[in-house]
Amino acid sequence: MTDRPKEDSRWRIVRDVVVFQTKLGMEAVLDITLIPVSLAAAALDLLLGNWRRPRWFHAVLRFGERCEERINLWGVAPTGTDASQSEVDALLRNIETLILRPGTGPEKVRELRRWAATKLAPGGDGDPEPPHRRNDFPG
């Protein structure tokens, strides 16, 4: 009976490492993408005469901030729970469910598609409430 907590602890550390590495990769892709985009946005603001109130550059900054809030790289689920509050963690939990319980596959895939459609649709980021305070992710 004492073997079960050890297995759970091992699974938890493996899962946490995989989630952290995935988040690191997402942050790296975000950073690599934002370097040229931010430079282009700043150049566009300079060319259009927006140097006092840089519209495009600040839009890139807001986008990067929203992405980092959603990724929540350093967010860790509290001890005793498996649920961190970031949307990326919720997405990874759903993918984990698909892997561990393949029978739930078709329904989970539909949920993930609906979620992605609402998040990626134009205006999906425009709601006034920050993503870490919402509870609109399936799962």
C-alpha atoms as a PDB file:
ATOM      1  CA  MET A   1       0.000   0.000   0.000  1.00  0.00           C
ATOM      2  CA  THR A   2       2.911   2.374   0.512  1.00  0.00           C
ATOM      3  CA  ASP A   3       3.980   1.936  -3.129  1.00  0.00           C
ATOM      4  CA  ARG A   4       1.047   4.001  -4.452  1.00  0.00           C
ATOM      5  CA  PRO A   5       2.165   7.377  -2.998  1.00  0.00           C
ATOM      6  CA  LYS A   6       5.664   6.808  -4.388  1.00  0.00           C
ATOM      7  CA  GLU A   7       4.217   6.094  -7.848  1.00  0.00           C
ATOM      8  CA  ASP A   8       2.023   9.211  -7.618  1.00  0.00           C
ATOM      9  CA  SER A   9       5.009  11.314  -6.561  1.00  0.00           C
ATOM     10  CA  ARG A  10       7.088   9.968  -9.425  1.00  0.00           C
ATOM     11  CA  TRP A  11       4.317  10.590 -11.918  1.00  0.00           C
ATOM     12  CA  ARG A  12       3.831  14.100 -10.535  1.00  0.00           C
ATOM     13  CA  ILE A  13       7.507  15.064 -10.939  1.00  0.00           C
ATOM     14  CA  VAL A  14       7.640  13.593 -14.462  1.00  0.00           C
ATOM     15  CA  ARG A  15       4.445  15.429 -15.373  1.00  0.00           C
ATOM     16  CA  ASP A  16       5.709  18.705 -13.862  1.00  0.00           C
ATOM     17  CA  VAL A  17       8.994  18.435 -15.772  1.00  0.00           C
ATOM     18  CA  VAL A  18       7.180  17.774 -19.066  1.00  0.00           C
ATOM     19  CA  VAL A  19       4.810  20.700 -18.475  1.00  0.00           C
ATOM     20  CA  PHE A  20       7.694  23.016 -17.547  1.00  0.00           C
ATOM     21  CA  GLN A  21       9.728  22.023 -20.602  1.00  0.00           C
ATOM     22  CA  THR A  22       6.708  22.553 -22.846  1.00  0.00           C
ATOM     23  CA  LYS A  23       6.147  25.998 -21.343  1.00  0.00           C
ATOM     24  CA  LEU A  24       9.843  26.841 -21.786  1.00  0.00           C
ATOM     25  CA  GLY A  25       9.569  25.899 -25.440  1.00  0.00           C
ATOM     26  CA  MET A  26       6.463  28.032 -25.867  1.00  0.00           C
ATOM     27  CA  GLU A  27       8.191  30.997 -24.220  1.00  0.00           C
ATOM     28  CA  ALA A  28      11.226  30.522 -26.477  1.00  0.00           C
ATOM     29  CA  VAL A  29       9.065  30.482 -29.612  1.00  0.00           C
ATOM     30  CA  LEU A  30       7.246  33.572 -28.349  1.00  0.00           C
ATOM     31  CA  ASP A  31      10.508  35.419 -27.668  1.00  0.00           C
ATOM     32  CA  ILE A  32      12.073  34.465 -30.995  1.00  0.00           C
ATOM     33  CA  THR A  33       8.917  35.546 -32.807  1.00  0.00           C
ATOM     34  CA  LEU A  34       8.544  38.824 -30.936  1.00  0.00           C
ATOM     35  CA  ILE A  35      12.097  40.018 -31.640  1.00  0.00           C
ATOM     36  CA  PRO A  36      11.569  40.765 -35.351  1.00  0.00           C
ATOM     37  CA  VAL A  37       7.896  41.656 -34.906  1.00  0.00           C
ATOM     38  CA  SER A  38       8.667  44.271 -32.237  1.00  0.00           C
ATOM     39  CA  LEU A  39      11.460  45.752 -34.352  1.00  0.00           C
ATOM     40  CA  ALA A  40       9.164  45.948 -37.375  1.00  0.00           C
ATOM     41  CA  ALA A  41       6.399  47.524 -35.268  1.00  0.00           C
ATOM     42  CA  ALA A  42       8.804  50.125 -33.869  1.00  0.00           C
ATOM     43  CA  ALA A  43      10.082  50.901 -37.365  1.00  0.00           C
ATOM     44  CA  LEU A  44       6.504  51.259 -38.593  1.00  0.00           C
ATOM     45  CA  ASP A  45       5.702  53.670 -35.770  1.00  0.00           C
ATOM     46  CA  LEU A  46       8.790  55.727 -36.601  1.00  0.00           C
ATOM     47  CA  LEU A  47       7.949  55.801 -40.317  1.00  0.00           C
ATOM     48  CA  LEU A  48       4.344  56.797 -39.664  1.00  0.00           C
ATOM     49  CA  GLY A  49       5.336  59.503 -37.203  1.00  0.00           C
ATOM     50  CA  ASN A  50       3.962  57.747 -34.133  1.00  0.00           C
ATOM     51  CA  TRP A  51       7.082  58.136 -32.010  1.00  0.00           C
ATOM     52  CA  ARG A  52       5.274  60.057 -29.245  1.00  0.00           C
ATOM     53  CA  ARG A  53       2.523  57.470 -28.903  1.00  0.00           C
ATOM     54  CA  PRO A  54       3.805  54.284 -30.574  1.00  0.00           C
ATOM     55  CA  ARG A  55       0.652  52.433 -31.570  1.00  0.00           C
ATOM     56  CA  TRP A  56       2.082  49.318 -33.216  1.00  0.00           C
ATOM     57  CA  PHE A  57       4.970  48.757 -30.836  1.00  0.00           C
ATOM     58  CA  HIS A  58       2.713  49.023 -27.788  1.00  0.00           C
ATOM     59  CA  ALA A  59       0.260  46.606 -29.408  1.00  0.00           C
ATOM     60  CA  VAL A  60       3.094  44.075 -29.696  1.00  0.00           C
ATOM     61  CA  LEU A  61       3.967  44.660 -26.020  1.00  0.00           C
ATOM     62  CA  ARG A  62       0.354  44.044 -24.954  1.00  0.00           C
ATOM     63  CA  PHE A  63       0.197  40.904 -27.082  1.00  0.00           C
ATOM     64  CA  GLY A  64       3.407  39.574 -25.523  1.00  0.00           C
ATOM     65  CA  GLU A  65       2.113  40.336 -22.049  1.00  0.00           C
ATOM     66  CA  ARG A  66      -1.156  38.464 -22.705  1.00  0.00           C
ATOM     67  CA  CYS A  67       0.770  35.481 -24.078  1.00  0.00           C
ATOM     68  CA  GLU A  68       3.052  35.357 -21.042  1.00  0.00           C
ATOM     69  CA  GLU A  69       0.053  35.510 -18.695  1.00  0.00           C
ATOM     70  CA  ARG A  70      -1.479  32.564 -20.500  1.00  0.00           C
ATOM     71  CA  ILE A  71       1.711  30.521 -20.520  1.00  0.00           C
ATOM     72  CA  ASN A  72       2.437  31.314 -16.844  1.00  0.00           C
ATOM     73  CA  LEU A  73       5.912  29.793 -17.018  1.00  0.00           C
ATOM     74  CA  TRP A  74       6.684  29.943 -13.303  1.00  0.00           C
ATOM     75  CA  GLY A  75       3.201  29.041 -12.098  1.00  0.00           C
ATOM     76  CA  VAL A  76       3.144  25.783 -10.168  1.00  0.00           C
ATOM     77  CA  ALA A  77       0.087  23.939  -8.953  1.00  0.00           C
ATOM     78  CA  PRO A  78      -0.243  24.077  -5.154  1.00  0.00           C
ATOM     79  CA  THR A  79       0.787  20.949  -3.265  1.00  0.00           C
ATOM     80  CA  GLY A  80      -2.025  18.440  -3.131  1.00  0.00           C
ATOM     81  CA  THR A  81      -3.643  19.581  -6.392  1.00  0.00           C
ATOM     82  CA  ASP A  82      -2.922  18.989 -10.031  1.00  0.00           C
ATOM     83  CA  ALA A  83      -4.409  22.241 -11.246  1.00  0.00           C
ATOM     84  CA  SER A  84      -2.454  25.383 -11.960  1.00  0.00           C
ATOM     85  CA  GLN A  85      -4.471  28.396 -13.049  1.00  0.00           C
ATOM     86  CA  SER A  86      -2.945  29.112 -16.460  1.00  0.00           C
ATOM     87  CA  GLU A  87      -4.691  28.278 -19.706  1.00  0.00           C
ATOM     88  CA  VAL A  88      -1.630  26.441 -20.983  1.00  0.00           C
ATOM     89  CA  ASP A  89      -1.710  24.179 -17.924  1.00  0.00           C
ATOM     90  CA  ALA A  90      -5.378  23.453 -18.560  1.00  0.00           C
ATOM     91  CA  LEU A  91      -4.627  22.663 -22.202  1.00  0.00           C
ATOM     92  CA  LEU A  92      -1.790  20.336 -21.204  1.00  0.00           C
ATOM     93  CA  ARG A  93      -4.045  18.615 -18.634  1.00  0.00           C
ATOM     94  CA  ASN A  94      -6.585  17.936 -21.373  1.00  0.00           C
ATOM     95  CA  ILE A  95      -3.884  16.525 -23.642  1.00  0.00           C
ATOM     96  CA  GLU A  96      -2.702  14.365 -20.731  1.00  0.00           C
ATOM     97  CA  THR A  97      -6.268  13.089 -20.300  1.00  0.00           C
ATOM     98  CA  LEU A  98      -6.379  12.185 -23.977  1.00  0.00           C
ATOM     99  CA  ILE A  99      -3.166  10.201 -23.625  1.00  0.00           C
ATOM    100  CA  LEU A 100      -4.089   8.435 -20.383  1.00  0.00           C
ATOM    101  CA  ARG A 101      -7.751   7.747 -21.235  1.00  0.00           C
ATOM    102  CA  PRO A 102      -8.057   7.316 -24.999  1.00  0.00           C
ATOM    103  CA  GLY A 103     -11.759   6.470 -24.697  1.00  0.00           C
ATOM    104  CA  THR A 104     -12.523  10.107 -23.911  1.00  0.00           C
ATOM    105  CA  GLY A 105     -10.733  11.156 -27.092  1.00  0.00           C
ATOM    106  CA  PRO A 106     -13.517  12.270 -29.443  1.00  0.00           C
ATOM    107  CA  GLU A 107     -15.315  14.388 -26.839  1.00  0.00           C
ATOM    108  CA  LYS A 108     -12.073  15.978 -25.542  1.00  0.00           C
ATOM    109  CA  VAL A 109     -10.961  16.764 -29.100  1.00  0.00           C
ATOM    110  CA  ARG A 110     -14.291  18.523 -29.731  1.00  0.00           C
ATOM    111  CA  GLU A 111     -13.878  20.501 -26.483  1.00  0.00           C
ATOM    112  CA  LEU A 112     -10.322  21.496 -27.419  1.00  0.00           C
ATOM    113  CA  ARG A 113     -11.445  22.588 -30.895  1.00  0.00           C
ATOM    114  CA  ARG A 114     -14.254  24.717 -29.437  1.00  0.00           C
ATOM    115  CA  TRP A 115     -11.848  26.266 -26.937  1.00  0.00           C
ATOM    116  CA  ALA A 116      -9.239  26.990 -29.624  1.00  0.00           C
ATOM    117  CA  ALA A 117     -11.889  28.516 -31.888  1.00  0.00           C
ATOM    118  CA  THR A 118     -12.987  30.930 -29.158  1.00  0.00           C
ATOM    119  CA  LYS A 119      -9.417  31.860 -28.196  1.00  0.00           C
ATOM    120  CA  LEU A 120      -8.084  32.239 -31.722  1.00  0.00           C
ATOM    121  CA  ALA A 121     -11.116  34.031 -33.141  1.00  0.00           C
ATOM    122  CA  PRO A 122     -10.746  37.751 -33.800  1.00  0.00           C
ATOM    123  CA  GLY A 123     -11.602  39.548 -30.587  1.00  0.00           C
ATOM    124  CA  GLY A 124     -10.972  36.424 -28.502  1.00  0.00           C
ATOM    125  CA  ASP A 125      -8.290  38.332 -26.578  1.00  0.00           C
ATOM    126  CA  GLY A 126     -10.314  41.494 -26.321  1.00  0.00           C
ATOM    127  CA  ASP A 127     -12.383  40.649 -23.266  1.00  0.00           C
ATOM    128  CA  PRO A 128     -11.721  42.931 -20.308  1.00  0.00           C
ATOM    129  CA  GLU A 129     -11.139  40.246 -17.702  1.00  0.00           C
ATOM    130  CA  PRO A 130      -7.565  38.893 -17.448  1.00  0.00           C
ATOM    131  CA  PRO A 131      -7.208  35.221 -18.470  1.00  0.00           C
ATOM    132  CA  HIS A 132      -5.923  34.084 -15.075  1.00  0.00           C
ATOM    133  CA  ARG A 133      -9.200  35.210 -13.483  1.00  0.00           C
ATOM    134  CA  ARG A 134     -11.490  33.487 -15.967  1.00  0.00           C
ATOM    135  CA  ASN A 135     -12.623  29.925 -15.727  1.00  0.00           C
ATOM    136  CA  ASP A 136     -13.730  29.331 -19.298  1.00  0.00           C
ATOM    137  CA  PHE A 137     -11.422  26.460 -20.261  1.00  0.00           C
ATOM    138  CA  PRO A 138     -12.968  23.021 -20.615  1.00  0.00           C
ATOM    139  CA  GLY A 139     -11.918  20.367 -18.243  1.00  0.00           C
END
